[in-house]
């Protein structure tokens, strides 16, 4: 399953790159991209585990950019 999410308050291109690298390393993630200019994240993960993977993505993103919110 592939979904795109809106990112709110992503302030730094470097942080976006760190998020993308970290997300790609998570179990169950097939592909991910974080676009700082568009303030969007695309996540591709297994259908059966998508919600669990998404929860891990949210935790990771909060560690890197605490003010960033992911709109589902």
PDB file of N, CA and C in Angstrom:
ATOM      1  N   UNK A   1       0.842  -1.166   0.000  1.00  0.00           N
ATOM      2  CA  UNK A   1       0.000   0.000   0.000  1.00  0.00           C
ATOM      3  C   UNK A   1       0.890   1.233   0.000  1.00  0.00           C
ATOM      4  N   UNK A   2       0.511   2.206  -0.800  1.00  0.00           N
ATOM      5  CA  UNK A   2       1.274   3.448  -0.905  1.00  0.00           C
ATOM      6  C   UNK A   2       0.339   4.607  -0.577  1.00  0.00           C
ATOM      7  N   UNK A   3       0.754   5.441   0.378  1.00  0.00           N
ATOM      8  CA  UNK A   3      -0.059   6.587   0.772  1.00  0.00           C
ATOM      9  C   UNK A   3       0.816   7.824   0.886  1.00  0.00           C
ATOM     10  N   UNK A   4       0.180   8.977   0.662  1.00  0.00           N
ATOM     11  CA  UNK A   4       0.864  10.260   0.792  1.00  0.00           C
ATOM     12  C   UNK A   4       0.240  11.031   1.948  1.00  0.00           C
ATOM     13  N   UNK A   5       1.094  11.661   2.742  1.00  0.00           N
ATOM     14  CA  UNK A   5       0.652  12.399   3.915  1.00  0.00           C
ATOM     15  C   UNK A   5       1.169  13.830   3.869  1.00  0.00           C
ATOM     16  N   UNK A   6       0.389  14.759   4.402  1.00  0.00           N
ATOM     17  CA  UNK A   6       0.777  16.162   4.506  1.00  0.00           C
ATOM     18  C   UNK A   6       1.569  16.338   5.795  1.00  0.00           C
ATOM     19  N   UNK A   7       2.675  17.051   5.703  1.00  0.00           N
ATOM     20  CA  UNK A   7       3.499  17.350   6.872  1.00  0.00           C
ATOM     21  C   UNK A   7       3.274  18.807   7.272  1.00  0.00           C
ATOM     22  N   UNK A   8       3.026  19.023   8.547  1.00  0.00           N
ATOM     23  CA  UNK A   8       2.801  20.367   9.068  1.00  0.00           C
ATOM     24  C   UNK A   8       4.007  20.751   9.926  1.00  0.00           C
ATOM     25  N   UNK A   9       4.557  21.931   9.689  1.00  0.00           N
ATOM     26  CA  UNK A   9       5.681  22.471  10.469  1.00  0.00           C
ATOM     27  C   UNK A   9       6.985  21.688  10.325  1.00  0.00           C
ATOM     28  N   UNK A  10       7.249  21.189   9.144  1.00  0.00           N
ATOM     29  CA  UNK A  10       8.571  20.606   8.862  1.00  0.00           C
ATOM     30  C   UNK A  10       9.466  21.775   8.468  1.00  0.00           C
ATOM     31  N   UNK A  11      10.408  22.114   9.352  1.00  0.00           N
ATOM     32  CA  UNK A  11      11.155  23.368   9.222  1.00  0.00           C
ATOM     33  C   UNK A  11      12.503  23.267   8.532  1.00  0.00           C
ATOM     34  N   UNK A  12      12.985  22.058   8.277  1.00  0.00           N
ATOM     35  CA  UNK A  12      14.380  21.936   7.882  1.00  0.00           C
ATOM     36  C   UNK A  12      14.555  20.849   6.818  1.00  0.00           C
ATOM     37  N   UNK A  13      15.225  21.176   5.728  1.00  0.00           N
ATOM     38  CA  UNK A  13      15.464  20.196   4.665  1.00  0.00           C
ATOM     39  C   UNK A  13      16.365  19.065   5.149  1.00  0.00           C
ATOM     40  N   UNK A  14      17.317  19.392   6.007  1.00  0.00           N
ATOM     41  CA  UNK A  14      18.206  18.366   6.567  1.00  0.00           C
ATOM     42  C   UNK A  14      17.403  17.367   7.406  1.00  0.00           C
ATOM     43  N   UNK A  15      16.458  17.884   8.190  1.00  0.00           N
ATOM     44  CA  UNK A  15      15.608  17.009   9.004  1.00  0.00           C
ATOM     45  C   UNK A  15      14.750  16.116   8.112  1.00  0.00           C
ATOM     46  N   UNK A  16      14.259  16.658   7.016  1.00  0.00           N
ATOM     47  CA  UNK A  16      13.470  15.863   6.075  1.00  0.00           C
ATOM     48  C   UNK A  16      14.298  14.712   5.520  1.00  0.00           C
ATOM     49  N   UNK A  17      15.547  14.977   5.195  1.00  0.00           N
ATOM     50  CA  UNK A  17      16.434  13.932   4.679  1.00  0.00           C
ATOM     51  C   UNK A  17      16.711  12.877   5.749  1.00  0.00           C
ATOM     52  N   UNK A  18      16.901  13.306   6.994  1.00  0.00           N
ATOM     53  CA  UNK A  18      17.117  12.365   8.093  1.00  0.00           C
ATOM     54  C   UNK A  18      15.880  11.497   8.312  1.00  0.00           C
ATOM     55  N   UNK A  19      14.704  12.110   8.213  1.00  0.00           N
ATOM     56  CA  UNK A  19      13.456  11.352   8.358  1.00  0.00           C
ATOM     57  C   UNK A  19      13.355  10.283   7.278  1.00  0.00           C
ATOM     58  N   UNK A  20      13.602  10.690   6.040  1.00  0.00           N
ATOM     59  CA  UNK A  20      13.500   9.753   4.917  1.00  0.00           C
ATOM     60  C   UNK A  20      14.457   8.577   5.095  1.00  0.00           C
ATOM     61  N   UNK A  21      15.692   8.859   5.456  1.00  0.00           N
ATOM     62  CA  UNK A  21      16.674   7.789   5.657  1.00  0.00           C
ATOM     63  C   UNK A  21      16.246   6.840   6.775  1.00  0.00           C
ATOM     64  N   UNK A  22      15.763   7.417   7.876  1.00  0.00           N
ATOM     65  CA  UNK A  22      15.336   6.601   9.009  1.00  0.00           C
ATOM     66  C   UNK A  22      14.118   5.759   8.690  1.00  0.00           C
ATOM     67  N   UNK A  23      13.155   6.331   7.993  1.00  0.00           N
ATOM     68  CA  UNK A  23      11.922   5.613   7.636  1.00  0.00           C
ATOM     69  C   UNK A  23      12.248   4.430   6.735  1.00  0.00           C
ATOM     70  N   UNK A  24      13.144   4.632   5.789  1.00  0.00           N
ATOM     71  CA  UNK A  24      13.503   3.551   4.864  1.00  0.00           C
ATOM     72  C   UNK A  24      14.134   2.353   5.577  1.00  0.00           C
ATOM     73  N   UNK A  25      14.707   2.582   6.760  1.00  0.00           N
ATOM     74  CA  UNK A  25      15.353   1.510   7.511  1.00  0.00           C
ATOM     75  C   UNK A  25      14.382   0.735   8.404  1.00  0.00           C
ATOM     76  N   UNK A  26      13.166   1.237   8.576  1.00  0.00           N
ATOM     77  CA  UNK A  26      12.199   0.562   9.448  1.00  0.00           C
ATOM     78  C   UNK A  26      11.698  -0.732   8.813  1.00  0.00           C
ATOM     79  N   UNK A  27      11.443  -1.733   9.653  1.00  0.00           N
ATOM     80  CA  UNK A  27      10.890  -3.007   9.171  1.00  0.00           C
ATOM     81  C   UNK A  27       9.500  -2.789   8.582  1.00  0.00           C
ATOM     82  N   UNK A  28       9.251  -3.413   7.456  1.00  0.00           N
ATOM     83  CA  UNK A  28       7.943  -3.330   6.809  1.00  0.00           C
ATOM     84  C   UNK A  28       7.827  -2.221   5.781  1.00  0.00           C
ATOM     85  N   UNK A  29       8.794  -1.302   5.760  1.00  0.00           N
ATOM     86  CA  UNK A  29       8.763  -0.199   4.795  1.00  0.00           C
ATOM     87  C   UNK A  29       9.388  -0.659   3.491  1.00  0.00           C
ATOM     88  N   UNK A  30       8.634  -0.509   2.408  1.00  0.00           N
ATOM     89  CA  UNK A  30       9.158  -0.866   1.089  1.00  0.00           C
ATOM     90  C   UNK A  30       9.852   0.333   0.447  1.00  0.00           C
ATOM     91  N   UNK A  31       9.268   1.528   0.639  1.00  0.00           N
ATOM     92  CA  UNK A  31       9.872   2.750   0.108  1.00  0.00           C
ATOM     93  C   UNK A  31       9.279   3.940   0.847  1.00  0.00           C
ATOM     94  N   UNK A  32      10.017   5.030   0.861  1.00  0.00           N
ATOM     95  CA  UNK A  32       9.551   6.252   1.501  1.00  0.00           C
ATOM     96  C   UNK A  32      10.248   7.446   0.881  1.00  0.00           C
ATOM     97  N   UNK A  33       9.544   8.568   0.847  1.00  0.00           N
ATOM     98  CA  UNK A  33      10.176   9.813   0.432  1.00  0.00           C
ATOM     99  C   UNK A  33       9.560  10.955   1.237  1.00  0.00           C
ATOM    100  N   UNK A  34      10.405  11.893   1.622  1.00  0.00           N
ATOM    101  CA  UNK A  34       9.961  13.076   2.354  1.00  0.00           C
ATOM    102  C   UNK A  34      10.402  14.274   1.533  1.00  0.00           C
ATOM    103  N   UNK A  35       9.432  15.073   1.086  1.00  0.00           N
ATOM    104  CA  UNK A  35       9.713  16.234   0.255  1.00  0.00           C
ATOM    105  C   UNK A  35       9.539  17.495   1.097  1.00  0.00           C
ATOM    106  N   UNK A  36      10.651  18.156   1.393  1.00  0.00           N
ATOM    107  CA  UNK A  36      10.612  19.362   2.222  1.00  0.00           C
ATOM    108  C   UNK A  36       9.859  20.492   1.534  1.00  0.00           C
ATOM    109  N   UNK A  37      10.096  20.694   0.266  1.00  0.00           N
ATOM    110  CA  UNK A  37       9.470  21.813  -0.456  1.00  0.00           C
ATOM    111  C   UNK A  37       7.948  21.669  -0.529  1.00  0.00           C
ATOM    112  N   UNK A  38       7.469  20.468  -0.756  1.00  0.00           N
ATOM    113  CA  UNK A  38       6.024  20.240  -0.856  1.00  0.00           C
ATOM    114  C   UNK A  38       5.388  19.924   0.496  1.00  0.00           C
ATOM    115  N   UNK A  39       6.238  19.702   1.514  1.00  0.00           N
ATOM    116  CA  UNK A  39       5.753  19.333   2.846  1.00  0.00           C
ATOM    117  C   UNK A  39       4.890  18.075   2.781  1.00  0.00           C
ATOM    118  N   UNK A  40       5.405  17.064   2.063  1.00  0.00           N
ATOM    119  CA  UNK A  40       4.678  15.805   1.903  1.00  0.00           C
ATOM    120  C   UNK A  40       5.589  14.612   2.134  1.00  0.00           C
ATOM    121  N   UNK A  41       4.985  13.531   2.605  1.00  0.00           N
ATOM    122  CA  UNK A  41       5.695  12.278   2.795  1.00  0.00           C
ATOM    123  C   UNK A  41       4.913  11.187   2.087  1.00  0.00           C
ATOM    124  N   UNK A  42       5.616  10.370   1.312  1.00  0.00           N
ATOM    125  CA  UNK A  42       5.006   9.210   0.670  1.00  0.00           C
ATOM    126  C   UNK A  42       5.588   7.976   1.342  1.00  0.00           C
ATOM    127  N   UNK A  43       4.692   7.089   1.751  1.00  0.00           N
ATOM    128  CA  UNK A  43       5.093   5.884   2.467  1.00  0.00           C
ATOM    129  C   UNK A  43       4.498   4.674   1.765  1.00  0.00           C
ATOM    130  N   UNK A  44       5.356   3.713   1.472  1.00  0.00           N
ATOM    131  CA  UNK A  44       4.910   2.455   0.875  1.00  0.00           C
ATOM    132  C   UNK A  44       5.311   1.329   1.819  1.00  0.00           C
ATOM    133  N   UNK A  45       4.285   0.580   2.276  1.00  0.00           N
ATOM    134  CA  UNK A  45       4.527  -0.502   3.242  1.00  0.00           C
ATOM    135  C   UNK A  45       3.525  -1.625   2.995  1.00  0.00           C
ATOM    136  N   UNK A  46       3.791  -2.766   3.642  1.00  0.00           N
ATOM    137  CA  UNK A  46       2.894  -3.913   3.520  1.00  0.00           C
ATOM    138  C   UNK A  46       1.492  -3.546   4.015  1.00  0.00           C
ATOM    139  N   UNK A  47       0.470  -3.985   3.283  1.00  0.00           N
ATOM    140  CA  UNK A  47      -0.913  -3.688   3.657  1.00  0.00           C
ATOM    141  C   UNK A  47      -1.239  -4.168   5.063  1.00  0.00           C
ATOM    142  N   UNK A  48      -0.849  -5.391   5.390  1.00  0.00           N
ATOM    143  CA  UNK A  48      -1.205  -6.008   6.668  1.00  0.00           C
ATOM    144  C   UNK A  48      -0.590  -5.276   7.861  1.00  0.00           C
ATOM    145  N   UNK A  49       0.575  -4.671   7.673  1.00  0.00           N
ATOM    146  CA  UNK A  49       1.273  -4.011   8.778  1.00  0.00           C
ATOM    147  C   UNK A  49       1.242  -2.493   8.686  1.00  0.00           C
ATOM    148  N   UNK A  50       0.464  -1.932   7.778  1.00  0.00           N
ATOM    149  CA  UNK A  50       0.580  -0.498   7.491  1.00  0.00           C
ATOM    150  C   UNK A  50       0.392   0.372   8.734  1.00  0.00           C
ATOM    151  N   UNK A  51      -0.622   0.071   9.542  1.00  0.00           N
ATOM    152  CA  UNK A  51      -0.887   0.909  10.726  1.00  0.00           C
ATOM    153  C   UNK A  51       0.256   0.835  11.737  1.00  0.00           C
ATOM    154  N   UNK A  52       0.814  -0.351  11.931  1.00  0.00           N
ATOM    155  CA  UNK A  52       1.936  -0.504  12.858  1.00  0.00           C
ATOM    156  C   UNK A  52       3.175   0.221  12.337  1.00  0.00           C
ATOM    157  N   UNK A  53       3.417   0.109  11.046  1.00  0.00           N
ATOM    158  CA  UNK A  53       4.560   0.800  10.431  1.00  0.00           C
ATOM    159  C   UNK A  53       4.368   2.308  10.541  1.00  0.00           C
ATOM    160  N   UNK A  54       3.148   2.782  10.282  1.00  0.00           N
ATOM    161  CA  UNK A  54       2.863   4.215  10.360  1.00  0.00           C
ATOM    162  C   UNK A  54       3.115   4.745  11.778  1.00  0.00           C
ATOM    163  N   UNK A  55       2.747   3.974  12.790  1.00  0.00           N
ATOM    164  CA  UNK A  55       2.984   4.385  14.182  1.00  0.00           C
ATOM    165  C   UNK A  55       4.486   4.544  14.447  1.00  0.00           C
ATOM    166  N   UNK A  56       5.298   3.639  13.906  1.00  0.00           N
ATOM    167  CA  UNK A  56       6.752   3.741  14.055  1.00  0.00           C
ATOM    168  C   UNK A  56       7.296   4.962  13.313  1.00  0.00           C
ATOM    169  N   UNK A  57       6.731   5.247  12.156  1.00  0.00           N
ATOM    170  CA  UNK A  57       7.138   6.421  11.371  1.00  0.00           C
ATOM    171  C   UNK A  57       6.865   7.694  12.166  1.00  0.00           C
ATOM    172  N   UNK A  58       5.697   7.776  12.778  1.00  0.00           N
ATOM    173  CA  UNK A  58       5.337   8.958  13.570  1.00  0.00           C
ATOM    174  C   UNK A  58       6.319   9.141  14.724  1.00  0.00           C
ATOM    175  N   UNK A  59       6.655   8.055  15.429  1.00  0.00           N
ATOM    176  CA  UNK A  59       7.615   8.138  16.540  1.00  0.00           C
ATOM    177  C   UNK A  59       8.978   8.638  16.057  1.00  0.00           C
ATOM    178  N   UNK A  60       9.446   8.080  14.951  1.00  0.00           N
ATOM    179  CA  UNK A  60      10.740   8.467  14.401  1.00  0.00           C
ATOM    180  C   UNK A  60      10.747   9.950  14.011  1.00  0.00           C
ATOM    181  N   UNK A  61       9.703  10.384  13.346  1.00  0.00           N
ATOM    182  CA  UNK A  61       9.631  11.782  12.896  1.00  0.00           C
ATOM    183  C   UNK A  61       9.581  12.741  14.076  1.00  0.00           C
ATOM    184  N   UNK A  62       8.909  12.362  15.146  1.00  0.00           N
ATOM    185  CA  UNK A  62       8.845  13.224  16.339  1.00  0.00           C
ATOM    186  C   UNK A  62      10.205  13.348  17.013  1.00  0.00           C
ATOM    187  N   UNK A  63      11.003  12.291  16.948  1.00  0.00           N
ATOM    188  CA  UNK A  63      12.355  12.358  17.519  1.00  0.00           C
ATOM    189  C   UNK A  63      13.212  13.359  16.748  1.00  0.00           C
ATOM    190  N   UNK A  64      13.087  13.342  15.430  1.00  0.00           N
ATOM    191  CA  UNK A  64      13.920  14.194  14.582  1.00  0.00           C
ATOM    192  C   UNK A  64      13.414  15.631  14.565  1.00  0.00           C
ATOM    193  N   UNK A  65      12.106  15.813  14.428  1.00  0.00           N
ATOM    194  CA  UNK A  65      11.500  17.148  14.320  1.00  0.00           C
ATOM    195  C   UNK A  65      10.255  17.158  15.220  1.00  0.00           C
ATOM    196  N   UNK A  66      10.432  17.489  16.518  1.00  0.00           N
ATOM    197  CA  UNK A  66       9.335  17.384  17.483  1.00  0.00           C
ATOM    198  C   UNK A  66       8.076  18.179  17.126  1.00  0.00           C
ATOM    199  N   UNK A  67       8.217  19.283  16.408  1.00  0.00           N
ATOM    200  CA  UNK A  67       7.051  20.122  16.069  1.00  0.00           C
ATOM    201  C   UNK A  67       6.313  19.650  14.825  1.00  0.00           C
ATOM    202  N   UNK A  68       6.892  18.718  14.096  1.00  0.00           N
ATOM    203  CA  UNK A  68       6.292  18.266  12.845  1.00  0.00           C
ATOM    204  C   UNK A  68       5.098  17.347  13.132  1.00  0.00           C
ATOM    205  N   UNK A  69       4.008  17.609  12.418  1.00  0.00           N
ATOM    206  CA  UNK A  69       2.793  16.798  12.557  1.00  0.00           C
ATOM    207  C   UNK A  69       2.491  16.140  11.219  1.00  0.00           C
ATOM    208  N   UNK A  70       2.111  14.883  11.258  1.00  0.00           N
ATOM    209  CA  UNK A  70       1.764  14.146  10.044  1.00  0.00           C
ATOM    210  C   UNK A  70       0.259  14.030   9.977  1.00  0.00           C
ATOM    211  N   UNK A  71      -0.345  14.630   8.956  1.00  0.00           N
ATOM    212  CA  UNK A  71      -1.794  14.578   8.777  1.00  0.00           C
ATOM    213  C   UNK A  71      -2.163  13.319   8.035  1.00  0.00           C
ATOM    214  N   UNK A  72      -3.024  12.521   8.629  1.00  0.00           N
ATOM    215  CA  UNK A  72      -3.429  11.260   8.035  1.00  0.00           C
ATOM    216  C   UNK A  72      -4.635  11.422   7.169  1.00  0.00           C
TER     217      UNK A  72
END
